[in-house]
Amino acid sequence: MDLHLKKTFTLSDINKIIKNKIEESFYLDFKSADALGFDEHKKDEISKDIGSFANSDGGIIIYGILEKDHIPFKITPIDGRTFTKEWLEHIITDRIQQRIPELHIYPIRIENKIENSIYVVKIPSSPLAPHMCNNGRFYKRYDFKAIPMMEFEVRRLYSRPLSTKLTIAAVYLDKKKNFEIFDDIKHKEFEIGVLVKNTGKLIEKDYKVKLQLNSTEDMSLRYSYSPDTTDLLMEEDLKGTFVSKTNLPLFPDEETTCLKFIIHVPFNHEVDFNNICTLKVKLLYSSGIDTAEYRISDMKPIK
């Protein structure tokens, strides 16, 4: 389970971490519920831990897991009425200079009870590093802990090169009213599109999307290009696998449809198509990758 690629977290994910004994690492840290508190020392520790990840290569801190010898031992629920998500966000923004971009806190409520909460904090490798804590010091991730940085390490972070940042903004499914006949069998049309957004501060010129549609052979699915994709080069390199390529630059905050095509589904296989088929999407660009996975039945139609 690659936690760093996940965009949502559930209690099932936490249970798997404990069951599989996923060890703490340079990128993963566990904190029991008592790591959150109102005294100044605990607030300082929160800022040191968060800041150290942002000044290093990013990572994840899970508040609400007790570890023993760096191995997750059990869940220690946090009272979300006392220590709210907003409280934790305030500690981070108030005690770390400057604000860490793209930092996300994911609350998990055990049995939908706010008094039994877990907080998953996903911290990026910050392009705005170095980040200073309110004690005037800079911290980095070393082994399993946060340690103060040396002066030359801080200076080196000031020259950390800015990198592009693209994300899969959405993958949509649009059921068309038309139908086609292949081999005397009626096929319904479903259009699938992938939207890509530049969430960084630099222009990105080199990117592509790879989409894998997983189905069963007896569905006899067919594929075709959408009529308005003349500016997109699409290649079917394997059955059910599509790759888009574009030379169009993507500017900051700009969003574009990077891949679009039509799936023709036999009428008698529409139920199977909705319930069985899944999509795996991978976005590749000059500074990294982004991934997403969907089940057809969970996808929302285009408005």
Protein backbone atom coordinates (compact mmCIF):
# COMPACT_ATOMS: atom_id res chain seq x y z
CA MET A 1 0.00 0.00 0.00
CA ASP A 2 1.61 3.24 -1.21
CA LEU A 3 0.26 5.81 1.24
CA HIS A 4 1.92 8.72 -0.55
CA LEU A 5 -0.21 8.23 -3.67
CA LYS A 6 -3.51 8.07 -1.79
CA LYS A 7 -5.89 11.02 -1.91
CA THR A 8 -8.31 9.71 0.72
CA PHE A 9 -7.77 7.71 3.89
CA THR A 10 -10.16 5.38 5.72
CA LEU A 11 -10.19 3.30 8.89
CA SER A 12 -9.50 0.30 6.66
CA ASP A 13 -6.19 1.89 5.62
CA ILE A 14 -5.22 2.38 9.28
CA ASN A 15 -6.12 -1.20 10.16
CA LYS A 16 -4.01 -2.48 7.26
CA ILE A 17 -1.04 -0.43 8.45
CA ILE A 18 -1.29 -2.01 11.89
CA LYS A 19 -2.03 -5.53 10.63
CA ASN A 20 0.85 -5.46 8.13
CA LYS A 21 3.20 -3.88 10.68
CA ILE A 22 4.27 -1.12 8.30
CA GLU A 23 7.30 0.38 10.02
CA GLU A 24 8.00 4.05 10.54
CA SER A 25 10.46 5.45 8.04
CA PHE A 26 11.98 8.63 6.69
CA TYR A 27 8.57 9.30 5.10
CA LEU A 28 6.16 7.92 7.72
CA ASP A 29 5.66 8.74 11.40
CA PHE A 30 3.14 7.53 13.98
CA LYS A 31 1.99 9.63 16.92
CA SER A 32 -0.29 8.49 19.72
CA ALA A 33 -3.28 10.60 20.77
CA ASP A 34 -1.37 12.19 23.64
CA ALA A 35 1.00 13.85 21.13
CA LEU A 36 -1.73 16.48 20.78
CA GLY A 37 -2.10 18.82 23.73
CA PHE A 38 -2.54 22.42 24.79
CA ASP A 39 0.81 22.84 26.56
CA GLU A 40 3.52 24.71 24.70
CA HIS A 41 5.92 21.77 24.54
CA LYS A 42 3.46 19.60 22.61
CA LYS A 43 2.58 22.44 20.26
CA ASP A 44 6.30 22.95 19.60
CA GLU A 45 6.74 19.24 18.88
CA ILE A 46 3.89 19.33 16.36
CA SER A 47 5.50 22.23 14.48
CA LYS A 48 8.95 20.59 14.58
CA ASP A 49 7.62 17.32 13.17
CA ILE A 50 5.54 18.93 10.41
CA GLY A 51 8.29 21.41 9.50
CA SER A 52 10.93 18.67 9.31
CA PHE A 53 8.97 16.77 6.67
CA ALA A 54 8.35 19.94 4.61
CA ASN A 55 12.06 20.80 4.74
CA SER A 56 12.98 17.26 3.67
CA ASP A 57 11.27 15.06 1.07
CA GLY A 58 7.74 15.23 2.48
CA GLY A 59 5.85 12.43 4.15
CA ILE A 60 2.90 11.42 6.32
CA ILE A 61 2.25 11.75 10.04
CA ILE A 62 -0.64 9.74 11.50
CA TYR A 63 -1.91 11.07 14.83
CA GLY A 64 -3.80 8.36 16.70
CA ILE A 65 -1.49 5.34 16.35
CA LEU A 66 0.68 4.11 19.21
CA GLU A 67 3.98 2.62 18.04
CA LYS A 68 6.40 0.29 19.76
CA ASP A 69 9.95 0.19 18.40
CA HIS A 70 8.69 2.04 15.30
CA ILE A 71 6.05 -0.63 14.59
CA PRO A 72 2.35 0.41 14.77
CA PHE A 73 0.82 -1.25 17.82
CA LYS A 74 -2.75 -0.02 18.20
CA ILE A 75 -5.14 2.86 17.59
CA THR A 76 -5.34 5.50 20.33
CA PRO A 77 -8.37 7.60 19.38
CA ILE A 78 -8.24 11.40 19.55
CA ASP A 79 -11.19 13.34 20.92
CA GLY A 80 -12.05 15.41 17.86
CA ARG A 81 -14.32 17.64 19.92
CA THR A 82 -11.32 18.85 21.91
CA PHE A 83 -8.62 18.64 19.27
CA THR A 84 -10.36 19.55 16.05
CA LYS A 85 -8.94 19.49 12.55
CA GLU A 86 -9.09 23.30 12.61
CA TRP A 87 -7.13 23.40 15.88
CA LEU A 88 -4.37 21.29 14.33
CA GLU A 89 -4.35 23.45 11.19
CA HIS A 90 -4.03 26.56 13.36
CA ILE A 91 -1.05 25.12 15.28
CA ILE A 92 0.70 24.34 12.00
CA THR A 93 0.07 27.70 10.33
CA ASP A 94 0.69 29.73 13.48
CA ARG A 95 3.99 28.09 14.45
CA ILE A 96 5.61 27.40 11.09
CA GLN A 97 6.81 30.19 8.83
CA GLN A 98 5.89 30.41 5.98
CA ARG A 99 2.67 28.51 5.15
CA ILE A 100 3.36 25.03 3.71
CA PRO A 101 1.57 24.68 0.35
CA GLU A 102 -0.43 21.55 -0.48
CA LEU A 103 -0.46 20.30 3.12
CA HIS A 104 -3.60 18.26 3.80
CA ILE A 105 -5.20 16.88 6.97
CA TYR A 106 -7.53 13.92 6.58
CA PRO A 107 -9.76 13.19 9.60
CA ILE A 108 -10.97 9.63 10.12
CA ARG A 109 -13.95 9.14 12.45
CA ILE A 110 -14.17 5.66 13.96
CA GLU A 111 -17.80 4.51 13.71
CA ASN A 112 -18.62 8.09 12.67
CA LYS A 113 -17.91 9.29 16.21
CA ILE A 114 -15.96 12.54 16.35
CA GLU A 115 -14.70 11.66 19.84
CA ASN A 116 -12.91 8.68 18.26
CA SER A 117 -10.80 10.36 15.60
CA ILE A 118 -7.53 9.82 13.76
CA TYR A 119 -5.73 12.55 11.80
CA VAL A 120 -3.61 11.73 8.75
CA VAL A 121 -1.38 14.69 7.84
CA LYS A 122 0.11 14.57 4.34
CA ILE A 123 3.06 16.95 4.00
CA PRO A 124 4.76 17.81 0.68
CA SER A 125 8.41 18.42 0.03
CA SER A 126 7.83 22.14 0.09
CA PRO A 127 8.98 24.37 -2.80
CA LEU A 128 8.94 27.24 -0.27
CA ALA A 129 11.44 25.63 2.10
CA PRO A 130 13.14 26.30 4.41
CA HIS A 131 10.33 26.60 6.94
CA MET A 132 11.19 28.01 10.37
CA CYS A 133 9.46 27.03 13.61
CA ASN A 134 8.45 29.67 16.12
CA ASN A 135 11.53 28.92 18.23
CA GLY A 136 13.63 30.38 15.41
CA ARG A 137 15.08 27.04 14.33
CA PHE A 138 14.81 24.94 11.18
CA TYR A 139 14.31 21.17 11.34
CA LYS A 140 14.81 18.27 8.98
CA ARG A 141 13.79 14.63 8.95
CA TYR A 142 16.59 12.33 10.01
CA ASP A 143 16.06 8.61 10.59
CA PHE A 144 12.85 8.49 12.67
CA LYS A 145 12.84 11.98 14.10
CA ALA A 146 13.11 15.74 13.57
CA ILE A 147 16.52 17.27 14.23
CA PRO A 148 17.83 20.87 13.93
CA MET A 149 19.43 21.79 10.63
CA MET A 150 22.94 23.12 10.25
CA GLU A 151 23.39 26.62 8.83
CA PHE A 152 24.75 25.35 5.49
CA GLU A 153 21.74 23.02 5.14
CA VAL A 154 19.37 25.94 5.58
CA ARG A 155 21.23 27.98 2.97
CA ARG A 156 21.09 25.07 0.53
CA LEU A 157 17.31 24.87 0.89
CA TYR A 158 16.94 28.49 -0.19
CA SER A 159 18.18 27.41 -3.60
CA ARG A 160 15.89 24.37 -3.84
CA PRO A 161 14.79 24.49 -7.47
CA LEU A 162 11.14 25.17 -8.16
CA SER A 163 9.41 22.25 -9.84
CA THR A 164 6.21 21.88 -11.79
CA LYS A 165 3.16 20.30 -10.19
CA LEU A 166 0.38 18.67 -12.19
CA THR A 167 -2.59 16.74 -10.81
CA ILE A 168 -5.40 14.60 -12.19
CA ALA A 169 -8.22 17.08 -11.63
CA ALA A 170 -11.04 14.70 -12.64
CA VAL A 171 -11.92 11.63 -14.64
CA TYR A 172 -15.47 11.77 -15.92
CA LEU A 173 -17.93 9.39 -17.57
CA ASP A 174 -20.64 10.62 -19.92
CA LYS A 175 -23.33 8.23 -21.11
CA LYS A 176 -24.35 9.20 -24.64
CA LYS A 177 -27.82 8.84 -26.12
CA ASN A 178 -26.47 7.46 -29.39
CA PHE A 179 -25.78 3.83 -30.07
CA GLU A 180 -23.83 1.97 -32.74
CA ILE A 181 -24.31 -1.45 -34.27
CA PHE A 182 -21.33 -3.77 -34.55
CA ASP A 183 -21.79 -7.33 -35.81
CA ASP A 184 -25.59 -6.87 -35.58
CA ILE A 185 -25.32 -6.04 -31.85
CA LYS A 186 -26.38 -2.69 -30.40
CA HIS A 187 -23.66 -0.89 -28.42
CA LYS A 188 -24.20 2.02 -26.05
CA GLU A 189 -21.67 4.85 -26.05
CA PHE A 190 -19.80 6.09 -22.98
CA GLU A 191 -17.31 8.95 -23.26
CA ILE A 192 -14.41 9.00 -20.81
CA GLY A 193 -12.25 12.06 -20.31
CA VAL A 194 -9.27 12.92 -18.13
CA LEU A 195 -8.79 16.51 -16.92
CA VAL A 196 -5.31 17.63 -15.89
CA LYS A 197 -4.58 20.78 -13.88
CA ASN A 198 -1.36 22.69 -13.31
CA THR A 199 -1.41 23.42 -9.56
CA GLY A 200 2.19 24.67 -9.48
CA LYS A 201 3.80 28.00 -10.25
CA LEU A 202 5.70 27.06 -13.43
CA ILE A 203 4.66 26.28 -16.99
CA GLU A 204 4.74 22.55 -17.82
CA LYS A 205 5.43 21.47 -21.41
CA ASP A 206 6.16 17.75 -21.11
CA TYR A 207 3.31 15.59 -19.85
CA LYS A 208 1.09 12.71 -20.89
CA VAL A 209 -1.70 10.54 -19.50
CA LYS A 210 -1.86 6.76 -19.58
CA LEU A 211 -5.23 5.10 -18.94
CA GLN A 212 -5.82 1.38 -18.41
CA LEU A 213 -9.38 0.06 -18.65
CA ASN A 214 -9.73 -3.30 -16.92
CA SER A 215 -12.61 -5.42 -18.19
CA THR A 216 -13.40 -9.02 -19.11
CA GLU A 217 -12.92 -10.30 -22.65
CA ASP A 218 -16.51 -11.48 -23.00
CA MET A 219 -17.73 -7.88 -22.80
CA SER A 220 -16.44 -7.32 -26.37
CA LEU A 221 -15.87 -3.61 -25.79
CA ARG A 222 -14.95 -1.37 -28.71
CA TYR A 223 -13.20 1.98 -28.68
CA SER A 224 -13.17 5.08 -30.86
CA TYR A 225 -11.94 8.67 -30.79
CA SER A 226 -14.16 11.47 -29.59
CA PRO A 227 -15.02 13.80 -32.50
CA ASP A 228 -13.46 16.86 -30.84
CA THR A 229 -10.03 15.39 -30.07
CA THR A 230 -8.29 16.27 -33.31
CA ASP A 231 -5.62 18.17 -31.39
CA LEU A 232 -4.79 15.13 -29.26
CA LEU A 233 -2.58 12.27 -30.35
CA MET A 234 -3.89 9.04 -28.82
CA GLU A 235 -2.35 5.61 -29.18
CA GLU A 236 -3.79 2.25 -28.18
CA ASP A 237 -0.57 0.46 -27.32
CA LEU A 238 -2.24 -2.49 -25.58
CA LYS A 239 -5.83 -3.67 -25.48
CA GLY A 240 -7.69 -1.31 -23.16
CA THR A 241 -4.64 0.91 -22.67
CA PHE A 242 -4.56 4.46 -24.04
CA VAL A 243 -1.84 7.09 -24.00
CA SER A 244 -2.32 10.78 -24.72
CA LYS A 245 0.50 13.04 -25.79
CA THR A 246 0.40 16.80 -26.19
CA ASN A 247 2.88 19.53 -26.95
CA LEU A 248 0.64 22.27 -25.61
CA PRO A 249 2.11 24.14 -22.61
CA LEU A 250 0.01 24.09 -19.46
CA PHE A 251 0.13 27.34 -17.49
CA PRO A 252 -0.32 27.73 -13.70
CA ASP A 253 -3.95 27.17 -12.63
CA GLU A 254 -4.83 26.10 -16.17
CA GLU A 255 -6.87 22.93 -16.71
CA THR A 256 -7.09 20.90 -19.90
CA THR A 257 -8.64 17.71 -21.22
CA CYS A 258 -5.63 15.53 -21.83
CA LEU A 259 -7.39 12.36 -22.96
CA LYS A 260 -10.85 11.65 -24.29
CA PHE A 261 -12.31 8.63 -26.09
CA ILE A 262 -15.52 6.63 -26.49
CA ILE A 263 -16.22 3.11 -25.25
CA HIS A 264 -18.88 1.13 -27.08
CA VAL A 265 -20.56 -1.34 -24.70
CA PRO A 266 -22.93 -4.11 -25.87
CA PHE A 267 -26.43 -3.57 -24.44
CA ASN A 268 -26.36 -6.95 -22.70
CA HIS A 269 -23.08 -6.10 -20.91
CA GLU A 270 -23.94 -2.65 -19.57
CA VAL A 271 -24.53 -3.94 -16.02
CA ASP A 272 -21.21 -5.80 -16.02
CA PHE A 273 -19.47 -2.73 -17.44
CA ASN A 274 -20.75 -0.60 -14.55
CA ASN A 275 -20.11 -3.11 -11.78
CA ILE A 276 -16.88 -4.80 -12.84
CA CYS A 277 -14.79 -2.43 -14.92
CA THR A 278 -12.13 -0.23 -13.33
CA LEU A 279 -9.89 2.54 -14.61
CA LYS A 280 -6.28 3.17 -13.64
CA VAL A 281 -4.96 6.58 -14.64
CA LYS A 282 -1.34 7.71 -14.49
CA LEU A 283 -0.23 11.27 -15.22
CA LEU A 284 3.46 11.64 -16.04
CA TYR A 285 5.18 15.01 -16.19
CA SER A 286 8.69 16.41 -15.92
CA SER A 287 8.73 16.67 -12.11
CA GLY A 288 6.77 13.58 -11.07
CA ILE A 289 3.64 11.48 -11.43
CA ASP A 290 0.06 11.46 -10.19
CA THR A 291 -2.20 8.43 -10.14
CA ALA A 292 -5.87 7.66 -9.60
CA GLU A 293 -8.08 4.60 -9.74
CA TYR A 294 -11.84 4.43 -10.26
CA ARG A 295 -14.60 1.88 -10.49
CA ILE A 296 -17.00 2.71 -13.31
CA SER A 297 -20.01 2.51 -10.95
CA ASP A 298 -18.48 5.19 -8.70
CA MET A 299 -17.73 7.69 -11.45
CA LYS A 300 -19.89 10.75 -11.81
CA PRO A 301 -21.34 11.67 -15.21
CA ILE A 302 -20.30 14.92 -16.77
CA LYS A 303 -22.69 17.79 -16.00
